[in-house]
Amino acid sequence: MRTTSLLMAFMVIAFLTGCKPATQPEAKPTSSTLNTFIEGATGKTALDAGKRAEETIRRVSAQHETELNEALGE
């Protein structure tokens, strides 16, 4: 009788733990080593950095021009 109770308890615990949905942490999308190598070899990385720098320079220049015009009263 005691063996049956232990067996039933074990089966209930096994059933309850087996019914939980599997949770996996979300993986961040990462660039593979091959993609990183190709982008570096073709100059894509440097080109992207240059484009970002150009956008920043244009934005800062426009802001400076606006502030200068305001200061001169134009």
PDB file of N, CA and C in Angstrom:
ATOM      1  N   MET A   1       0.825  -1.187   0.000  1.00  0.00           N
ATOM      2  CA  MET A   1       0.000   0.000   0.000  1.00  0.00           C
ATOM      3  C   MET A   1       0.871   1.254   0.000  1.00  0.00           C
ATOM      4  N   ARG A   2       1.912   1.267   0.825  1.00  0.00           N
ATOM      5  CA  ARG A   2       2.792   2.426   0.897  1.00  0.00           C
ATOM      6  C   ARG A   2       3.543   2.612  -0.421  1.00  0.00           C
ATOM      7  N   THR A   3       3.941   1.540  -1.049  1.00  0.00           N
ATOM      8  CA  THR A   3       4.640   1.603  -2.325  1.00  0.00           C
ATOM      9  C   THR A   3       3.734   2.195  -3.387  1.00  0.00           C
ATOM     10  N   THR A   4       2.469   1.819  -3.368  1.00  0.00           N
ATOM     11  CA  THR A   4       1.513   2.346  -4.337  1.00  0.00           C
ATOM     12  C   THR A   4       1.333   3.849  -4.146  1.00  0.00           C
ATOM     13  N   SER A   5       1.262   4.301  -2.897  1.00  0.00           N
ATOM     14  CA  SER A   5       1.097   5.724  -2.623  1.00  0.00           C
ATOM     15  C   SER A   5       2.320   6.514  -3.099  1.00  0.00           C
ATOM     16  N   LEU A   6       3.503   5.984  -2.848  1.00  0.00           N
ATOM     17  CA  LEU A   6       4.714   6.647  -3.295  1.00  0.00           C
ATOM     18  C   LEU A   6       4.787   6.685  -4.822  1.00  0.00           C
ATOM     19  N   LEU A   7       4.392   5.582  -5.432  1.00  0.00           N
ATOM     20  CA  LEU A   7       4.388   5.511  -6.882  1.00  0.00           C
ATOM     21  C   LEU A   7       3.391   6.506  -7.466  1.00  0.00           C
ATOM     22  N   MET A   8       2.222   6.622  -6.863  1.00  0.00           N
ATOM     23  CA  MET A   8       1.209   7.575  -7.326  1.00  0.00           C
ATOM     24  C   MET A   8       1.717   9.008  -7.149  1.00  0.00           C
ATOM     25  N   ALA A   9       2.350   9.298  -6.011  1.00  0.00           N
ATOM     26  CA  ALA A   9       2.879  10.636  -5.771  1.00  0.00           C
ATOM     27  C   ALA A   9       3.964  10.964  -6.797  1.00  0.00           C
ATOM     28  N   PHE A  10       4.831  10.018  -7.074  1.00  0.00           N
ATOM     29  CA  PHE A  10       5.881  10.223  -8.067  1.00  0.00           C
ATOM     30  C   PHE A  10       5.284  10.469  -9.445  1.00  0.00           C
ATOM     31  N   MET A  11       4.256   9.733  -9.809  1.00  0.00           N
ATOM     32  CA  MET A  11       3.619   9.899 -11.111  1.00  0.00           C
ATOM     33  C   MET A  11       2.955  11.275 -11.225  1.00  0.00           C
ATOM     34  N   VAL A  12       2.328  11.742 -10.139  1.00  0.00           N
ATOM     35  CA  VAL A  12       1.687  13.059 -10.157  1.00  0.00           C
ATOM     36  C   VAL A  12       2.743  14.151 -10.320  1.00  0.00           C
ATOM     37  N   ILE A  13       3.832  14.045  -9.574  1.00  0.00           N
ATOM     38  CA  ILE A  13       4.901  15.033  -9.671  1.00  0.00           C
ATOM     39  C   ILE A  13       5.515  15.014 -11.070  1.00  0.00           C
ATOM     40  N   ALA A  14       5.761  13.842 -11.606  1.00  0.00           N
ATOM     41  CA  ALA A  14       6.334  13.728 -12.946  1.00  0.00           C
ATOM     42  C   ALA A  14       5.383  14.308 -13.979  1.00  0.00           C
ATOM     43  N   PHE A  15       4.096  14.070 -13.819  1.00  0.00           N
ATOM     44  CA  PHE A  15       3.105  14.600 -14.761  1.00  0.00           C
ATOM     45  C   PHE A  15       3.059  16.123 -14.687  1.00  0.00           C
ATOM     46  N   LEU A  16       3.042  16.672 -13.477  1.00  0.00           N
ATOM     47  CA  LEU A  16       2.957  18.116 -13.320  1.00  0.00           C
ATOM     48  C   LEU A  16       4.197  18.835 -13.845  1.00  0.00           C
ATOM     49  N   THR A  17       5.371  18.276 -13.601  1.00  0.00           N
ATOM     50  CA  THR A  17       6.580  18.924 -14.082  1.00  0.00           C
ATOM     51  C   THR A  17       6.750  18.747 -15.585  1.00  0.00           C
ATOM     52  N   GLY A  18       6.206  17.708 -16.133  1.00  0.00           N
ATOM     53  CA  GLY A  18       6.323  17.465 -17.565  1.00  0.00           C
ATOM     54  C   GLY A  18       5.346  18.286 -18.380  1.00  0.00           C
ATOM     55  N   CYS A  19       4.324  18.852 -17.778  1.00  0.00           N
ATOM     56  CA  CYS A  19       3.315  19.602 -18.505  1.00  0.00           C
ATOM     57  C   CYS A  19       3.629  21.086 -18.620  1.00  0.00           C
ATOM     58  N   LYS A  20       4.691  21.548 -18.004  1.00  0.00           N
ATOM     59  CA  LYS A  20       5.028  22.966 -18.091  1.00  0.00           C
ATOM     60  C   LYS A  20       5.566  23.273 -19.485  1.00  0.00           C
ATOM     61  N   PRO A  21       5.179  24.397 -20.037  1.00  0.00           N
ATOM     62  CA  PRO A  21       5.726  24.749 -21.351  1.00  0.00           C
ATOM     63  C   PRO A  21       7.212  25.062 -21.227  1.00  0.00           C
ATOM     64  N   ALA A  22       7.941  24.650 -22.220  1.00  0.00           N
ATOM     65  CA  ALA A  22       9.379  24.907 -22.217  1.00  0.00           C
ATOM     66  C   ALA A  22       9.621  26.385 -22.455  1.00  0.00           C
ATOM     67  N   THR A  23      10.408  26.988 -21.589  1.00  0.00           N
ATOM     68  CA  THR A  23      10.734  28.395 -21.765  1.00  0.00           C
ATOM     69  C   THR A  23      12.201  28.500 -22.102  1.00  0.00           C
ATOM     70  N   GLN A  24      12.472  29.196 -23.185  1.00  0.00           N
ATOM     71  CA  GLN A  24      13.845  29.417 -23.592  1.00  0.00           C
ATOM     72  C   GLN A  24      14.058  30.915 -23.693  1.00  0.00           C
ATOM     73  N   PRO A  25      15.171  31.388 -23.180  1.00  0.00           N
ATOM     74  CA  PRO A  25      15.427  32.825 -23.297  1.00  0.00           C
ATOM     75  C   PRO A  25      15.603  33.201 -24.762  1.00  0.00           C
ATOM     76  N   GLU A  26      15.112  34.395 -25.103  1.00  0.00           N
ATOM     77  CA  GLU A  26      15.233  34.850 -26.479  1.00  0.00           C
ATOM     78  C   GLU A  26      16.687  35.170 -26.779  1.00  0.00           C
ATOM     79  N   ALA A  27      17.136  34.675 -27.896  1.00  0.00           N
ATOM     80  CA  ALA A  27      18.511  34.929 -28.300  1.00  0.00           C
ATOM     81  C   ALA A  27      18.569  36.223 -29.101  1.00  0.00           C
ATOM     82  N   LYS A  28      19.599  37.005 -28.847  1.00  0.00           N
ATOM     83  CA  LYS A  28      19.792  38.236 -29.598  1.00  0.00           C
ATOM     84  C   LYS A  28      20.267  37.874 -31.002  1.00  0.00           C
ATOM     85  N   PRO A  29      19.747  38.566 -31.988  1.00  0.00           N
ATOM     86  CA  PRO A  29      20.277  38.299 -33.323  1.00  0.00           C
ATOM     87  C   PRO A  29      21.720  38.797 -33.403  1.00  0.00           C
ATOM     88  N   THR A  30      22.591  37.910 -33.751  1.00  0.00           N
ATOM     89  CA  THR A  30      23.996  38.281 -33.831  1.00  0.00           C
ATOM     90  C   THR A  30      24.502  38.048 -35.242  1.00  0.00           C
ATOM     91  N   SER A  31      25.511  38.768 -35.582  1.00  0.00           N
ATOM     92  CA  SER A  31      26.132  38.619 -36.884  1.00  0.00           C
ATOM     93  C   SER A  31      27.115  37.461 -36.808  1.00  0.00           C
ATOM     94  N   SER A  32      27.098  36.627 -37.813  1.00  0.00           N
ATOM     95  CA  SER A  32      28.025  35.512 -37.794  1.00  0.00           C
ATOM     96  C   SER A  32      29.432  36.001 -38.087  1.00  0.00           C
ATOM     97  N   THR A  33      30.386  35.199 -37.770  1.00  0.00           N
ATOM     98  CA  THR A  33      31.775  35.541 -38.000  1.00  0.00           C
ATOM     99  C   THR A  33      32.040  35.729 -39.482  1.00  0.00           C
ATOM    100  N   LEU A  34      31.418  34.894 -40.308  1.00  0.00           N
ATOM    101  CA  LEU A  34      31.607  35.003 -41.748  1.00  0.00           C
ATOM    102  C   LEU A  34      31.053  36.326 -42.263  1.00  0.00           C
ATOM    103  N   ASN A  35      29.858  36.719 -41.800  1.00  0.00           N
ATOM    104  CA  ASN A  35      29.284  37.995 -42.219  1.00  0.00           C
ATOM    105  C   ASN A  35      30.161  39.158 -41.786  1.00  0.00           C
ATOM    106  N   THR A  36      30.684  39.096 -40.567  1.00  0.00           N
ATOM    107  CA  THR A  36      31.557  40.150 -40.072  1.00  0.00           C
ATOM    108  C   THR A  36      32.809  40.248 -40.925  1.00  0.00           C
ATOM    109  N   PHE A  37      33.374  39.114 -41.280  1.00  0.00           N
ATOM    110  CA  PHE A  37      34.573  39.101 -42.123  1.00  0.00           C
ATOM    111  C   PHE A  37      34.280  39.687 -43.497  1.00  0.00           C
ATOM    112  N   ILE A  38      33.167  39.279 -44.102  1.00  0.00           N
ATOM    113  CA  ILE A  38      32.813  39.768 -45.437  1.00  0.00           C
ATOM    114  C   ILE A  38      32.568  41.270 -45.412  1.00  0.00           C
ATOM    115  N   GLU A  39      31.834  41.741 -44.418  1.00  0.00           N
ATOM    116  CA  GLU A  39      31.558  43.177 -44.321  1.00  0.00           C
ATOM    117  C   GLU A  39      32.848  43.973 -44.114  1.00  0.00           C
ATOM    118  N   GLY A  40      33.763  43.443 -43.334  1.00  0.00           N
ATOM    119  CA  GLY A  40      35.039  44.124 -43.127  1.00  0.00           C
ATOM    120  C   GLY A  40      35.908  44.105 -44.368  1.00  0.00           C
ATOM    121  N   ALA A  41      35.924  42.978 -45.077  1.00  0.00           N
ATOM    122  CA  ALA A  41      36.763  42.847 -46.270  1.00  0.00           C
ATOM    123  C   ALA A  41      36.247  43.707 -47.415  1.00  0.00           C
ATOM    124  N   THR A  42      34.943  43.872 -47.521  1.00  0.00           N
ATOM    125  CA  THR A  42      34.381  44.655 -48.624  1.00  0.00           C
ATOM    126  C   THR A  42      34.312  46.138 -48.302  1.00  0.00           C
ATOM    127  N   GLY A  43      34.577  46.513 -47.067  1.00  0.00           N
ATOM    128  CA  GLY A  43      34.545  47.912 -46.684  1.00  0.00           C
ATOM    129  C   GLY A  43      33.168  48.404 -46.279  1.00  0.00           C
ATOM    130  N   LYS A  44      32.207  47.502 -46.159  1.00  0.00           N
ATOM    131  CA  LYS A  44      30.845  47.903 -45.804  1.00  0.00           C
ATOM    132  C   LYS A  44      30.812  48.573 -44.438  1.00  0.00           C
ATOM    133  N   THR A  45      31.567  48.046 -43.499  1.00  0.00           N
ATOM    134  CA  THR A  45      31.579  48.603 -42.150  1.00  0.00           C
ATOM    135  C   THR A  45      32.082  50.042 -42.165  1.00  0.00           C
ATOM    136  N   ALA A  46      33.174  50.284 -42.889  1.00  0.00           N
ATOM    137  CA  ALA A  46      33.722  51.637 -42.971  1.00  0.00           C
ATOM    138  C   ALA A  46      32.779  52.561 -43.723  1.00  0.00           C
ATOM    139  N   LEU A  47      32.144  52.064 -44.753  1.00  0.00           N
ATOM    140  CA  LEU A  47      31.196  52.866 -45.529  1.00  0.00           C
ATOM    141  C   LEU A  47      30.005  53.278 -44.673  1.00  0.00           C
ATOM    142  N   ASP A  48      29.480  52.331 -43.889  1.00  0.00           N
ATOM    143  CA  ASP A  48      28.358  52.646 -42.991  1.00  0.00           C
ATOM    144  C   ASP A  48      28.773  53.697 -41.957  1.00  0.00           C
ATOM    145  N   ALA A  49      29.977  53.577 -41.417  1.00  0.00           N
ATOM    146  CA  ALA A  49      30.460  54.547 -40.434  1.00  0.00           C
ATOM    147  C   ALA A  49      30.606  55.920 -41.078  1.00  0.00           C
ATOM    148  N   GLY A  50      31.081  55.955 -42.308  1.00  0.00           N
ATOM    149  CA  GLY A  50      31.220  57.220 -43.020  1.00  0.00           C
ATOM    150  C   GLY A  50      29.880  57.888 -43.269  1.00  0.00           C
ATOM    151  N   LYS A  51      28.882  57.081 -43.620  1.00  0.00           N
ATOM    152  CA  LYS A  51      27.534  57.629 -43.849  1.00  0.00           C
ATOM    153  C   LYS A  51      26.956  58.208 -42.559  1.00  0.00           C
ATOM    154  N   ARG A  52      27.159  57.501 -41.442  1.00  0.00           N
ATOM    155  CA  ARG A  52      26.672  58.013 -40.158  1.00  0.00           C
ATOM    156  C   ARG A  52      27.378  59.312 -39.795  1.00  0.00           C
ATOM    157  N   ALA A  53      28.676  59.381 -40.045  1.00  0.00           N
ATOM    158  CA  ALA A  53      29.426  60.610 -39.755  1.00  0.00           C
ATOM    159  C   ALA A  53      28.940  61.757 -40.623  1.00  0.00           C
ATOM    160  N   GLU A  54      28.685  61.492 -41.888  1.00  0.00           N
ATOM    161  CA  GLU A  54      28.190  62.536 -42.788  1.00  0.00           C
ATOM    162  C   GLU A  54      26.842  63.074 -42.318  1.00  0.00           C
ATOM    163  N   GLU A  55      25.947  62.177 -41.913  1.00  0.00           N
ATOM    164  CA  GLU A  55      24.641  62.602 -41.407  1.00  0.00           C
ATOM    165  C   GLU A  55      24.790  63.466 -40.156  1.00  0.00           C
ATOM    166  N   THR A  56      25.694  63.080 -39.274  1.00  0.00           N
ATOM    167  CA  THR A  56      25.927  63.852 -38.048  1.00  0.00           C
ATOM    168  C   THR A  56      26.473  65.236 -38.374  1.00  0.00           C
ATOM    169  N   ILE A  57      27.423  65.298 -39.293  1.00  0.00           N
ATOM    170  CA  ILE A  57      28.011  66.588 -39.676  1.00  0.00           C
ATOM    171  C   ILE A  57      26.954  67.491 -40.291  1.00  0.00           C
ATOM    172  N   ARG A  58      26.117  66.954 -41.152  1.00  0.00           N
ATOM    173  CA  ARG A  58      25.062  67.771 -41.775  1.00  0.00           C
ATOM    174  C   ARG A  58      24.069  68.285 -40.736  1.00  0.00           C
ATOM    175  N   ARG A  59      23.720  67.415 -39.791  1.00  0.00           N
ATOM    176  CA  ARG A  59      22.760  67.818 -38.754  1.00  0.00           C
ATOM    177  C   ARG A  59      23.345  68.918 -37.871  1.00  0.00           C
ATOM    178  N   VAL A  60      24.594  68.750 -37.443  1.00  0.00           N
ATOM    179  CA  VAL A  60      25.248  69.739 -36.584  1.00  0.00           C
ATOM    180  C   VAL A  60      25.445  71.047 -37.350  1.00  0.00           C
ATOM    181  N   SER A  61      25.808  70.956 -38.614  1.00  0.00           N
ATOM    182  CA  SER A  61      26.011  72.154 -39.431  1.00  0.00           C
ATOM    183  C   SER A  61      24.710  72.930 -39.593  1.00  0.00           C
ATOM    184  N   ALA A  62      23.616  72.226 -39.835  1.00  0.00           N
ATOM    185  CA  ALA A  62      22.317  72.893 -39.973  1.00  0.00           C
ATOM    186  C   ALA A  62      21.917  73.561 -38.667  1.00  0.00           C
ATOM    187  N   GLN A  63      22.161  72.900 -37.548  1.00  0.00           N
ATOM    188  CA  GLN A  63      21.834  73.472 -36.246  1.00  0.00           C
ATOM    189  C   GLN A  63      22.691  74.717 -35.986  1.00  0.00           C
ATOM    190  N   HIS A  64      23.968  74.638 -36.324  1.00  0.00           N
ATOM    191  CA  HIS A  64      24.874  75.777 -36.145  1.00  0.00           C
ATOM    192  C   HIS A  64      24.424  76.955 -37.015  1.00  0.00           C
ATOM    193  N   GLU A  65      24.047  76.683 -38.248  1.00  0.00           N
ATOM    194  CA  GLU A  65      23.577  77.730 -39.163  1.00  0.00           C
ATOM    195  C   GLU A  65      22.326  78.406 -38.612  1.00  0.00           C
ATOM    196  N   THR A  66      21.405  77.602 -38.057  1.00  0.00           N
ATOM    197  CA  THR A  66      20.186  78.156 -37.475  1.00  0.00           C
ATOM    198  C   THR A  66      20.516  79.044 -36.286  1.00  0.00           C
ATOM    199  N   GLU A  67      21.391  78.571 -35.407  1.00  0.00           N
ATOM    200  CA  GLU A  67      21.766  79.368 -34.231  1.00  0.00           C
ATOM    201  C   GLU A  67      22.495  80.657 -34.640  1.00  0.00           C
ATOM    202  N   LEU A  68      23.332  80.590 -35.668  1.00  0.00           N
ATOM    203  CA  LEU A  68      24.046  81.757 -36.134  1.00  0.00           C
ATOM    204  C   LEU A  68      23.059  82.800 -36.706  1.00  0.00           C
ATOM    205  N   ASN A  69      22.101  82.329 -37.486  1.00  0.00           N
ATOM    206  CA  ASN A  69      21.100  83.244 -38.038  1.00  0.00           C
ATOM    207  C   ASN A  69      20.273  83.894 -36.938  1.00  0.00           C
ATOM    208  N   GLU A  70      19.943  83.148 -35.898  1.00  0.00           N
ATOM    209  CA  GLU A  70      19.191  83.707 -34.780  1.00  0.00           C
ATOM    210  C   GLU A  70      20.014  84.763 -34.033  1.00  0.00           C
ATOM    211  N   ALA A  71      21.303  84.483 -33.872  1.00  0.00           N
ATOM    212  CA  ALA A  71      22.177  85.424 -33.160  1.00  0.00           C
ATOM    213  C   ALA A  71      22.373  86.716 -33.950  1.00  0.00           C
ATOM    214  N   LEU A  72      22.414  86.609 -35.273  1.00  0.00           N
ATOM    215  CA  LEU A  72      22.614  87.801 -36.111  1.00  0.00           C
ATOM    216  C   LEU A  72      21.302  88.521 -36.382  1.00  0.00           C
ATOM    217  N   GLY A  73      20.206  87.933 -35.969  1.00  0.00           N
ATOM    218  CA  GLY A  73      18.898  88.556 -36.132  1.00  0.00           C
ATOM    219  C   GLY A  73      18.342  88.458 -37.538  1.00  0.00           C
ATOM    220  N   GLU A  74      18.740  87.490 -38.255  1.00  0.00           N
ATOM    221  CA  GLU A  74      18.246  87.326 -39.621  1.00  0.00           C
ATOM    222  C   GLU A  74      17.077  86.386 -39.669  1.00  0.00           C
TER     223      GLU A  74
END
